[in-house]
C-alpha atoms as a PDB file:
ATOM      1  CA  MET A   1     116.042  53.848  90.695  1.00  0.00           C
ATOM      2  CA  PRO A   2     117.905  56.525  91.231  1.00  0.00           C
ATOM      3  CA  ASP A   3     117.446  59.801  93.891  1.00  0.00           C
ATOM      4  CA  SER A   4     118.182  62.100  90.751  1.00  0.00           C
ATOM      5  CA  ALA A   5     115.415  60.030  88.972  1.00  0.00           C
ATOM      6  CA  GLN A   6     112.498  60.122  92.216  1.00  0.00           C
ATOM      7  CA  GLN A   7     109.890  61.415  91.282  1.00  0.00           C
ATOM      8  CA  LEU A   8     108.001  64.320  93.101  1.00  0.00           C
ATOM      9  CA  LEU A   9     104.505  63.178  92.887  1.00  0.00           C
ATOM     10  CA  HIS A  10     101.749  66.739  93.779  1.00  0.00           C
ATOM     11  CA  LEU A  11      98.222  65.327  92.936  1.00  0.00           C
ATOM     12  CA  VAL A  12      95.197  68.391  91.970  1.00  0.00           C
ATOM     13  CA  ILE A  13      91.836  68.100  93.367  1.00  0.00           C
ATOM     14  CA  GLY A  14      89.073  70.671  93.285  1.00  0.00           C
ATOM     15  CA  GLY A  15      85.976  71.619  94.465  1.00  0.00           C
ATOM     16  CA  GLU A  16      83.275  73.973  97.131  1.00  0.00           C
ATOM     17  CA  LEU A  17      84.530  74.933  99.827  1.00  0.00           C
ATOM     18  CA  THR A  18      81.126  75.518 102.886  1.00  0.00           C
ATOM     19  CA  GLY A  19      82.937  79.082 103.377  1.00  0.00           C
ATOM     20  CA  LEU A  20      85.035  80.981 102.414  1.00  0.00           C
ATOM     21  CA  GLU A  21      87.935  80.976 105.537  1.00  0.00           C
ATOM     22  CA  SER A  22      87.654  76.905 105.424  1.00  0.00           C
ATOM     23  CA  THR A  23      89.277  74.282 103.465  1.00  0.00           C
ATOM     24  CA  THR A  24      85.870  71.945 104.410  1.00  0.00           C
ATOM     25  CA  PHE A  25      84.568  71.014 101.112  1.00  0.00           C
ATOM     26  CA  LYS A  26      80.828  71.362 101.158  1.00  0.00           C
ATOM     27  CA  ASP A  27      80.342  67.563  98.885  1.00  0.00           C
ATOM     28  CA  LEU A  28      82.411  65.034  99.452  1.00  0.00           C
ATOM     29  CA  ASP A  29      81.014  62.755  96.027  1.00  0.00           C
ATOM     30  CA  LYS A  30      81.784  66.179  94.297  1.00  0.00           C
ATOM     31  CA  VAL A  31      85.621  66.495  94.485  1.00  0.00           C
ATOM     32  CA  GLU A  32      87.441  67.016  91.303  1.00  0.00           C
ATOM     33  CA  PHE A  33      90.664  64.972  90.663  1.00  0.00           C
ATOM     34  CA  VAL A  34      92.516  66.865  88.377  1.00  0.00           C
ATOM     35  CA  GLY A  35      95.272  64.470  87.525  1.00  0.00           C
ATOM     36  CA  VAL A  36      98.687  63.288  89.424  1.00  0.00           C
ATOM     37  CA  TYR A  37     101.689  65.061  88.228  1.00  0.00           C
ATOM     38  CA  PRO A  38     105.534  64.659  88.109  1.00  0.00           C
ATOM     39  CA  ASN A  39     106.761  67.755  89.134  1.00  0.00           C
ATOM     40  CA  TYR A  40     105.375  71.030  90.526  1.00  0.00           C
ATOM     41  CA  ALA A  41     105.783  72.946  87.933  1.00  0.00           C
ATOM     42  CA  THR A  42     102.798  71.056  86.569  1.00  0.00           C
ATOM     43  CA  ALA A  43     100.887  70.341  88.991  1.00  0.00           C
ATOM     44  CA  TYR A  44     101.025  74.837  88.999  1.00  0.00           C
ATOM     45  CA  THR A  45     100.027  74.787  85.229  1.00  0.00           C
ATOM     46  CA  ALA A  46      97.153  72.066  86.052  1.00  0.00           C
ATOM     47  CA  TRP A  47      96.189  74.082  88.794  1.00  0.00           C
ATOM     48  CA  LYS A  48      96.371  77.732  87.058  1.00  0.00           C
ATOM     49  CA  ALA A  49      94.003  76.279  84.449  1.00  0.00           C
ATOM     50  CA  LYS A  50      91.381  74.981  86.942  1.00  0.00           C
ATOM     51  CA  ALA A  51      91.273  77.771  88.714  1.00  0.00           C
ATOM     52  CA  HIS A  52      91.109  80.022  86.345  1.00  0.00           C
ATOM     53  CA  GLN A  53      87.892  78.878  85.258  1.00  0.00           C
ATOM     54  CA  THR A  54      86.479  79.305  87.903  1.00  0.00           C
ATOM     55  CA  VAL A  55      86.895  82.293  88.893  1.00  0.00           C
ATOM     56  CA  ASP A  56      83.255  83.685  89.311  1.00  0.00           C
ATOM     57  CA  ASN A  57      82.825  80.919  91.485  1.00  0.00           C
ATOM     58  CA  ALA A  58      84.769  82.182  95.450  1.00  0.00           C
ATOM     59  CA  HIS A  59      83.333  78.942  96.628  1.00  0.00           C
ATOM     60  CA  MET A  60      85.232  76.997  94.440  1.00  0.00           C
ATOM     61  CA  ARG A  61      88.906  76.343  95.475  1.00  0.00           C
ATOM     62  CA  TYR A  62      91.664  73.523  93.646  1.00  0.00           C
ATOM     63  CA  PHE A  63      94.549  72.581  95.985  1.00  0.00           C
ATOM     64  CA  ILE A  64      98.266  70.477  95.057  1.00  0.00           C
ATOM     65  CA  VAL A  65      98.990  68.247  97.374  1.00  0.00           C
ATOM     66  CA  HIS A  66     103.022  67.377  97.818  1.00  0.00           C
ATOM     67  CA  LEU A  67     102.026  63.840  97.765  1.00  0.00           C
ATOM     68  CA  HIS A  68     105.903  62.246  97.679  1.00  0.00           C
ATOM     69  CA  ARG A  69     105.301  63.814 100.651  1.00  0.00           C
ATOM     70  CA  LEU A  70     103.090  61.863 102.047  1.00  0.00           C
ATOM     71  CA  LEU A  71     104.551  58.991 100.617  1.00  0.00           C
ATOM     72  CA  ASP A  72     107.958  58.832 102.152  1.00  0.00           C
ATOM     73  CA  PRO A  73     107.523  61.756 104.913  1.00  0.00           C
ATOM     74  CA  ASP A  74     111.051  61.526 105.358  1.00  0.00           C
ATOM     75  CA  HIS A  75     112.999  62.128 102.610  1.00  0.00           C
ATOM     76  CA  ASP A  76     114.092  65.830 102.736  1.00  0.00           C
ATOM     77  CA  THR A  77     113.202  67.530  98.755  1.00  0.00           C
ATOM     78  CA  LYS A  78     114.763  70.210  99.592  1.00  0.00           C
ATOM     79  CA  PRO A  79     119.242  70.487  98.426  1.00  0.00           C
ATOM     80  CA  ALA A  80     121.765  70.037 101.485  1.00  0.00           C
ATOM     81  CA  ARG A  81     123.566  73.328 102.061  1.00  0.00           C
END
């Protein structure tokens, strides 16, 4: 697969945190896997929709995980200058 067609996979997950200043999930069994997306834009759309659904619970947070950085940490996804 040519680099121009490389998938930049992003994972959206969320759940209730132990505190407002924490990124520790209260119960890992209840972490929601929203989905895996081929680029940041679609992941952001999914993240935003889930975040808006839980706006009344300050401890509920959703995150975008850049899977492509974990799968290939040596590959720089920023354009060359």
